Amino acid sequence: MTTQLSGRALSGPSVSGPSISGLWVPLITPFKDGAVDIQNYDRLVEHYIQAGADALFPLGTTGESPTLDEAEIDLVIERTVAVARGRVPVFVGVGGNSTRKVEKELKRLQRIAFDGVVSVCPYYNRPSQDGLIAHFRNIAAATDRLVLIYNIPYRTAVNLSNDSMLELAEVPNIVGAKDSSGSLAQSLELLARKPKDFAVLTGEDALYFTMMANGAEGGILAASHLMTERFIEVGRCFAANDVAGARAAWAPLAQFVPLLFAEANPMPIKYLLWRQGLIASPECRLPLTRISDGLAKRLDAYFEQRAAA
């Protein structure tokens, strides 16, 4: 389930085409007293590389990217690249609902040696399919980096159709999608119709097992901040055609994942990382807050039960 980008070699910074597959961690951005906690961010990057993550994705939804200013964005990208040291690909969240602004941001970030971009469908202004296609064509033309399209209608109020996605798959440096369409039928159809050199990474944490069983190349999963090795084991079992092993690895995750999305992402994840000592504070930036006391008790109880088992 590995998509190699043969025939798509680009002038990117570190590789002619990293493998677009496996488990990608969409990194949180830790804060402490209102500022980016870069010391603990560096620790997280190293932690997930050591845990076996196949790639890192800073500045996505889980990274609270809309709340970071330009200097903080640059700092987060630079530190991700510096700590990763080429051991895993780094794909950066660069998107928005103004094509021109996204193009300018890509050119501004060109000096930093990350591998690719994950770009969300334009939100709020609800473009047509023709507008979406033109948007992503322009973005791809504005950068020499690899591009993954992030389709998440739940947040953007616009759904990139499979026909549009497959048209965009013909663009040389558009190499895959983070698929969070919210429709299992649409996702399975995309898997059935996509070209071999176009990767589909599910962004639907609760559907990771199902999507991998139907041929997805991997997942970009916020939930994989916790129990990371379990998520990796699911992928390894599928790569070895061990469906029973994948099902066994997935079983505890199937119960756990819904808890992480009972309140706004990444609030529950940050709470658990803080409880486990991986970050110094569970704080998010407004308009996000901290999780409710009720959810905190449920999360604590889940891990206490697992520890006692």
Protein backbone atom coordinates (compact mmCIF):
# COMPACT_ATOMS: atom_id res chain seq x y z
CA MET A 1 0.00 0.00 0.00
CA THR A 2 2.87 2.33 -0.78
CA THR A 3 2.56 4.97 -3.45
CA GLN A 4 5.95 5.68 -4.99
CA LEU A 5 6.08 8.84 -7.02
CA SER A 6 7.92 7.50 -10.04
CA GLY A 7 7.53 9.85 -12.96
CA ARG A 8 6.67 12.69 -10.59
CA ALA A 9 10.17 13.69 -9.54
CA LEU A 10 10.25 17.35 -8.55
CA SER A 11 12.78 19.87 -7.37
CA GLY A 12 11.71 19.60 -3.74
CA PRO A 13 14.20 19.96 -0.91
CA SER A 14 15.15 16.52 0.31
CA VAL A 15 13.68 13.81 -1.87
CA SER A 16 12.57 13.32 -5.44
CA GLY A 17 9.44 11.68 -4.12
CA PRO A 18 8.87 10.45 -0.56
CA SER A 19 6.58 7.51 -0.03
CA ILE A 20 3.04 8.81 0.49
CA SER A 21 1.90 6.05 2.80
CA GLY A 22 1.67 4.82 6.35
CA LEU A 23 0.79 6.68 9.53
CA TRP A 24 1.16 10.46 9.48
CA VAL A 25 0.84 12.43 12.72
CA PRO A 26 -0.86 15.85 12.32
CA LEU A 27 1.07 17.50 15.11
CA ILE A 28 -0.52 19.60 17.82
CA THR A 29 1.04 22.98 18.59
CA PRO A 30 1.74 23.08 22.35
CA PHE A 31 1.20 26.40 24.13
CA LYS A 32 2.34 27.58 27.53
CA ASP A 33 1.21 30.87 29.02
CA GLY A 34 -0.11 31.90 25.63
CA ALA A 35 3.12 31.32 23.68
CA VAL A 36 4.21 28.45 21.45
CA ASP A 37 6.09 26.01 23.70
CA ILE A 38 8.86 25.23 21.25
CA GLN A 39 10.88 23.13 23.71
CA ASN A 40 8.04 20.66 24.13
CA TYR A 41 7.22 20.88 20.44
CA ASP A 42 10.74 19.66 19.65
CA ARG A 43 10.22 16.81 22.11
CA LEU A 44 6.98 15.83 20.39
CA VAL A 45 8.59 15.75 16.96
CA GLU A 46 11.33 13.44 18.24
CA HIS A 47 8.82 11.36 20.20
CA TYR A 48 6.69 10.55 17.16
CA ILE A 49 9.68 9.83 14.95
CA GLN A 50 10.97 7.41 17.57
CA ALA A 51 7.50 5.87 17.86
CA GLY A 52 7.61 5.03 14.17
CA ALA A 53 5.49 7.69 12.45
CA ASP A 54 5.97 7.63 8.68
CA ALA A 55 5.56 11.40 8.23
CA LEU A 56 4.76 14.55 10.19
CA PHE A 57 2.15 17.17 9.36
CA PRO A 58 2.42 20.44 11.30
CA LEU A 59 -0.03 23.34 11.03
CA GLY A 60 -3.19 21.44 10.22
CA THR A 61 -6.52 21.61 12.03
CA THR A 62 -5.03 19.71 14.96
CA GLY A 63 -2.13 22.20 15.02
CA GLU A 64 -4.55 25.13 15.49
CA SER A 65 -2.94 26.81 12.50
CA PRO A 66 -5.49 29.66 12.21
CA THR A 67 -4.37 30.95 15.61
CA LEU A 68 -0.66 31.24 14.76
CA ASP A 69 0.92 34.41 13.44
CA GLU A 70 3.48 34.48 10.64
CA ALA A 71 6.53 34.33 12.90
CA GLU A 72 5.06 31.36 14.81
CA ILE A 73 4.24 29.55 11.57
CA ASP A 74 7.82 29.94 10.40
CA LEU A 75 9.18 28.80 13.76
CA VAL A 76 7.02 25.66 13.85
CA ILE A 77 7.99 24.65 10.31
CA GLU A 78 11.68 25.37 10.85
CA ARG A 79 11.80 23.38 14.08
CA THR A 80 9.92 20.43 12.54
CA VAL A 81 12.40 20.25 9.68
CA ALA A 82 15.41 20.76 11.98
CA VAL A 83 14.42 18.04 14.45
CA ALA A 84 13.26 15.60 11.75
CA ARG A 85 16.61 15.90 9.93
CA GLY A 86 15.26 14.13 6.87
CA ARG A 87 14.32 10.98 8.78
CA VAL A 88 10.65 11.33 7.81
CA PRO A 89 8.88 13.59 5.32
CA VAL A 90 7.44 16.86 6.59
CA PHE A 91 4.25 18.09 4.93
CA VAL A 92 3.01 21.52 6.05
CA GLY A 93 -0.55 22.78 6.22
CA VAL A 94 -0.86 25.72 3.81
CA GLY A 95 -4.39 26.53 2.74
CA GLY A 96 -7.14 29.10 2.81
CA ASN A 97 -10.13 30.53 1.00
CA SER A 98 -8.18 33.08 -1.04
CA THR A 99 -6.20 31.43 -3.83
CA ARG A 100 -3.99 34.48 -4.22
CA LYS A 101 -3.07 34.53 -0.52
CA VAL A 102 -2.24 30.81 -0.52
CA GLU A 103 0.00 31.30 -3.55
CA LYS A 104 1.80 34.16 -1.81
CA GLU A 105 2.24 32.10 1.35
CA LEU A 106 3.72 29.20 -0.58
CA LYS A 107 6.24 31.50 -2.22
CA ARG A 108 7.07 33.07 1.15
CA LEU A 109 7.76 29.64 2.66
CA GLN A 110 9.81 28.44 -0.30
CA ARG A 111 13.06 29.10 1.60
CA ILE A 112 12.28 26.35 4.16
CA ALA A 113 13.16 22.79 3.13
CA PHE A 114 9.95 20.90 3.87
CA ASP A 115 8.79 18.14 1.54
CA GLY A 116 5.23 19.00 0.71
CA VAL A 117 1.97 20.75 1.43
CA VAL A 118 -1.41 19.61 2.70
CA SER A 119 -3.92 22.17 1.44
CA VAL A 120 -7.52 22.28 2.62
CA CYS A 121 -10.43 23.02 0.31
CA PRO A 122 -11.40 26.70 0.44
CA TYR A 123 -13.89 27.26 3.24
CA TYR A 124 -16.71 29.76 3.84
CA ASN A 125 -17.06 31.12 0.29
CA ARG A 126 -18.34 27.76 -1.07
CA PRO A 127 -16.81 27.68 -4.58
CA SER A 128 -18.11 25.52 -7.41
CA GLN A 129 -16.27 22.42 -8.60
CA ASP A 130 -14.73 24.53 -11.37
CA GLY A 131 -13.54 27.01 -8.75
CA LEU A 132 -12.05 24.26 -6.60
CA ILE A 133 -10.21 22.77 -9.56
CA ALA A 134 -8.81 26.16 -10.56
CA HIS A 135 -7.81 26.87 -6.95
CA PHE A 136 -5.75 23.70 -6.60
CA ARG A 137 -4.23 23.99 -10.06
CA ASN A 138 -3.00 27.47 -9.17
CA ILE A 139 -1.64 26.30 -5.83
CA ALA A 140 0.24 23.42 -7.46
CA ALA A 141 1.71 25.81 -10.01
CA ALA A 142 2.89 28.15 -7.24
CA THR A 143 5.18 25.58 -5.59
CA ASP A 144 7.74 22.94 -6.51
CA ARG A 145 6.69 20.87 -3.49
CA LEU A 146 4.37 17.89 -3.45
CA VAL A 147 0.72 18.70 -2.76
CA LEU A 148 -1.94 16.71 -0.93
CA ILE A 149 -5.53 17.94 -1.23
CA TYR A 150 -7.45 17.95 2.05
CA ASN A 151 -11.18 17.38 1.52
CA ILE A 152 -13.17 17.88 4.72
CA PRO A 153 -16.69 19.16 3.98
CA TYR A 154 -17.60 18.93 7.67
CA ARG A 155 -15.39 21.97 8.28
CA THR A 156 -15.33 23.73 4.90
CA ALA A 157 -18.98 23.48 3.76
CA VAL A 158 -17.78 22.40 0.31
CA ASN A 159 -17.14 18.89 -0.97
CA LEU A 160 -14.58 18.21 -3.68
CA SER A 161 -16.19 15.53 -5.85
CA ASN A 162 -14.32 12.42 -6.90
CA ASP A 163 -14.50 13.53 -10.52
CA SER A 164 -12.79 16.79 -9.57
CA MET A 165 -10.24 15.00 -7.40
CA LEU A 166 -9.33 12.65 -10.24
CA GLU A 167 -8.97 15.54 -12.66
CA LEU A 168 -6.57 17.19 -10.21
CA ALA A 169 -4.69 13.90 -9.84
CA GLU A 170 -3.39 14.52 -13.35
CA VAL A 171 -1.41 17.54 -12.12
CA PRO A 172 2.20 16.28 -11.70
CA ASN A 173 2.83 17.53 -8.16
CA ILE A 174 -0.66 16.82 -6.79
CA VAL A 175 0.18 13.38 -5.47
CA GLY A 176 -2.64 12.46 -3.13
CA ALA A 177 -5.43 13.41 -0.80
CA LYS A 178 -6.23 13.54 2.85
CA ASP A 179 -9.74 12.17 2.57
CA SER A 180 -12.20 13.29 5.23
CA SER A 181 -15.22 13.44 2.95
CA GLY A 182 -17.57 12.20 5.66
CA SER A 183 -19.11 9.80 3.16
CA LEU A 184 -17.89 6.21 3.24
CA ALA A 185 -19.44 5.64 -0.18
CA GLN A 186 -17.52 8.57 -1.66
CA SER A 187 -14.27 7.46 -0.01
CA LEU A 188 -14.58 3.88 -1.23
CA GLU A 189 -15.37 5.07 -4.74
CA LEU A 190 -12.24 7.25 -4.69
CA LEU A 191 -10.16 4.24 -3.69
CA ALA A 192 -11.66 2.19 -6.51
CA ARG A 193 -11.12 4.85 -9.19
CA LYS A 194 -7.84 6.53 -8.28
CA PRO A 195 -4.68 6.02 -10.33
CA LYS A 196 -1.94 3.90 -8.78
CA ASP A 197 0.42 6.84 -8.27
CA PHE A 198 -2.19 8.91 -6.41
CA ALA A 199 -2.29 8.20 -2.67
CA VAL A 200 -5.37 8.33 -0.48
CA LEU A 201 -4.67 8.86 3.21
CA THR A 202 -7.78 8.76 5.33
CA GLY A 203 -8.36 11.61 7.74
CA GLU A 204 -11.35 9.86 9.30
CA ASP A 205 -9.83 8.39 12.44
CA ALA A 206 -12.78 6.11 13.17
CA LEU A 207 -12.61 4.67 9.63
CA TYR A 208 -8.89 3.87 9.63
CA PHE A 209 -9.41 0.09 9.73
CA THR A 210 -12.14 0.19 7.09
CA MET A 211 -10.19 2.41 4.70
CA MET A 212 -7.00 0.38 5.06
CA ALA A 213 -8.97 -2.80 4.44
CA ASN A 214 -10.18 -1.27 1.17
CA GLY A 215 -6.80 -0.18 -0.12
CA ALA A 216 -5.98 3.23 1.38
CA GLU A 217 -2.26 3.97 1.52
CA GLY A 218 -2.45 5.15 5.12
CA GLY A 219 -3.93 7.76 7.41
CA ILE A 220 -3.36 11.25 8.77
CA LEU A 221 -4.89 10.72 12.17
CA ALA A 222 -5.10 13.16 15.07
CA ALA A 223 -5.94 10.26 17.38
CA SER A 224 -2.52 8.73 16.68
CA HIS A 225 -0.97 11.22 19.12
CA LEU A 226 -2.06 8.56 21.64
CA MET A 227 -1.48 4.81 21.38
CA THR A 228 0.69 5.56 18.36
CA GLU A 229 2.20 2.10 18.20
CA ARG A 230 -1.28 0.56 17.94
CA PHE A 231 -2.10 2.66 14.89
CA ILE A 232 1.22 1.72 13.33
CA GLU A 233 0.56 -1.96 14.03
CA VAL A 234 -2.76 -1.79 12.17
CA GLY A 235 -0.91 -0.53 9.09
CA ARG A 236 1.86 -3.10 9.42
CA CYS A 237 -0.64 -5.93 9.61
CA PHE A 238 -2.43 -4.77 6.49
CA ALA A 239 0.91 -4.46 4.67
CA ALA A 240 1.53 -8.11 5.57
CA ASN A 241 -2.01 -9.12 4.50
CA ASP A 242 -2.74 -10.05 8.12
CA VAL A 243 -6.33 -8.88 8.41
CA ALA A 244 -6.92 -10.76 11.66
CA GLY A 245 -3.89 -9.10 13.23
CA ALA A 246 -5.05 -5.70 12.02
CA ARG A 247 -8.48 -6.30 13.51
CA ALA A 248 -6.95 -7.28 16.86
CA ALA A 249 -4.73 -4.17 16.87
CA TRP A 250 -7.70 -1.98 15.97
CA ALA A 251 -10.12 -3.33 18.59
CA PRO A 252 -9.04 -1.09 21.53
CA LEU A 253 -8.69 1.90 19.20
CA ALA A 254 -12.27 1.52 18.00
CA GLN A 255 -13.45 2.18 21.55
CA PHE A 256 -10.93 4.93 22.25
CA VAL A 257 -11.07 7.11 19.13
CA PRO A 258 -14.63 8.45 19.65
CA LEU A 259 -13.63 9.82 23.06
CA LEU A 260 -11.00 12.03 21.43
CA PHE A 261 -13.66 13.72 19.32
CA ALA A 262 -16.36 14.04 21.96
CA GLU A 263 -15.32 17.71 22.18
CA ALA A 264 -13.46 19.96 19.76
CA ASN A 265 -10.15 18.66 18.41
CA PRO A 266 -7.40 19.01 19.67
CA MET A 267 -8.67 19.79 23.19
CA PRO A 268 -9.02 16.14 24.35
CA ILE A 269 -5.69 15.18 22.76
CA LYS A 270 -3.86 18.01 24.48
CA TYR A 271 -5.42 17.04 27.79
CA LEU A 272 -4.13 13.47 27.50
CA LEU A 273 -0.67 14.52 26.29
CA TRP A 274 -0.47 16.82 29.30
CA ARG A 275 -1.61 14.04 31.65
CA GLN A 276 1.09 11.79 30.19
CA GLY A 277 3.78 14.44 30.66
CA LEU A 278 4.49 14.96 26.96
CA ILE A 279 3.52 18.65 27.06
CA ALA A 280 3.60 21.18 29.88
CA SER A 281 0.06 22.50 29.48
CA PRO A 282 -3.21 21.41 27.86
CA GLU A 283 -4.03 24.94 26.80
CA CYS A 284 -5.47 25.81 23.41
CA ARG A 285 -5.91 29.25 21.91
CA LEU A 286 -9.30 30.88 21.82
CA PRO A 287 -11.89 30.25 20.61
CA LEU A 288 -10.92 26.75 21.78
CA THR A 289 -10.72 26.23 25.53
CA ARG A 290 -10.10 23.20 27.73
CA ILE A 291 -12.20 20.05 27.83
CA SER A 292 -15.07 19.70 30.26
CA ASP A 293 -14.58 18.05 33.63
CA GLY A 294 -16.93 15.29 32.52
CA LEU A 295 -14.85 14.35 29.50
CA ALA A 296 -11.64 14.57 31.52
CA LYS A 297 -13.04 11.99 33.93
CA ARG A 298 -14.04 9.69 31.06
CA LEU A 299 -10.59 9.90 29.48
CA ASP A 300 -8.86 9.31 32.81
CA ALA A 301 -11.11 6.34 33.51
CA TYR A 302 -10.34 4.78 30.12
CA PHE A 303 -6.58 4.87 30.68
CA GLU A 304 -6.89 3.74 34.29
CA GLN A 305 -8.92 0.76 33.10
CA ARG A 306 -6.33 -0.10 30.44
CA ALA A 307 -3.51 0.18 32.98
CA ALA A 308 -5.32 -2.20 35.31
CA ALA A 309 -6.06 -4.76 32.58
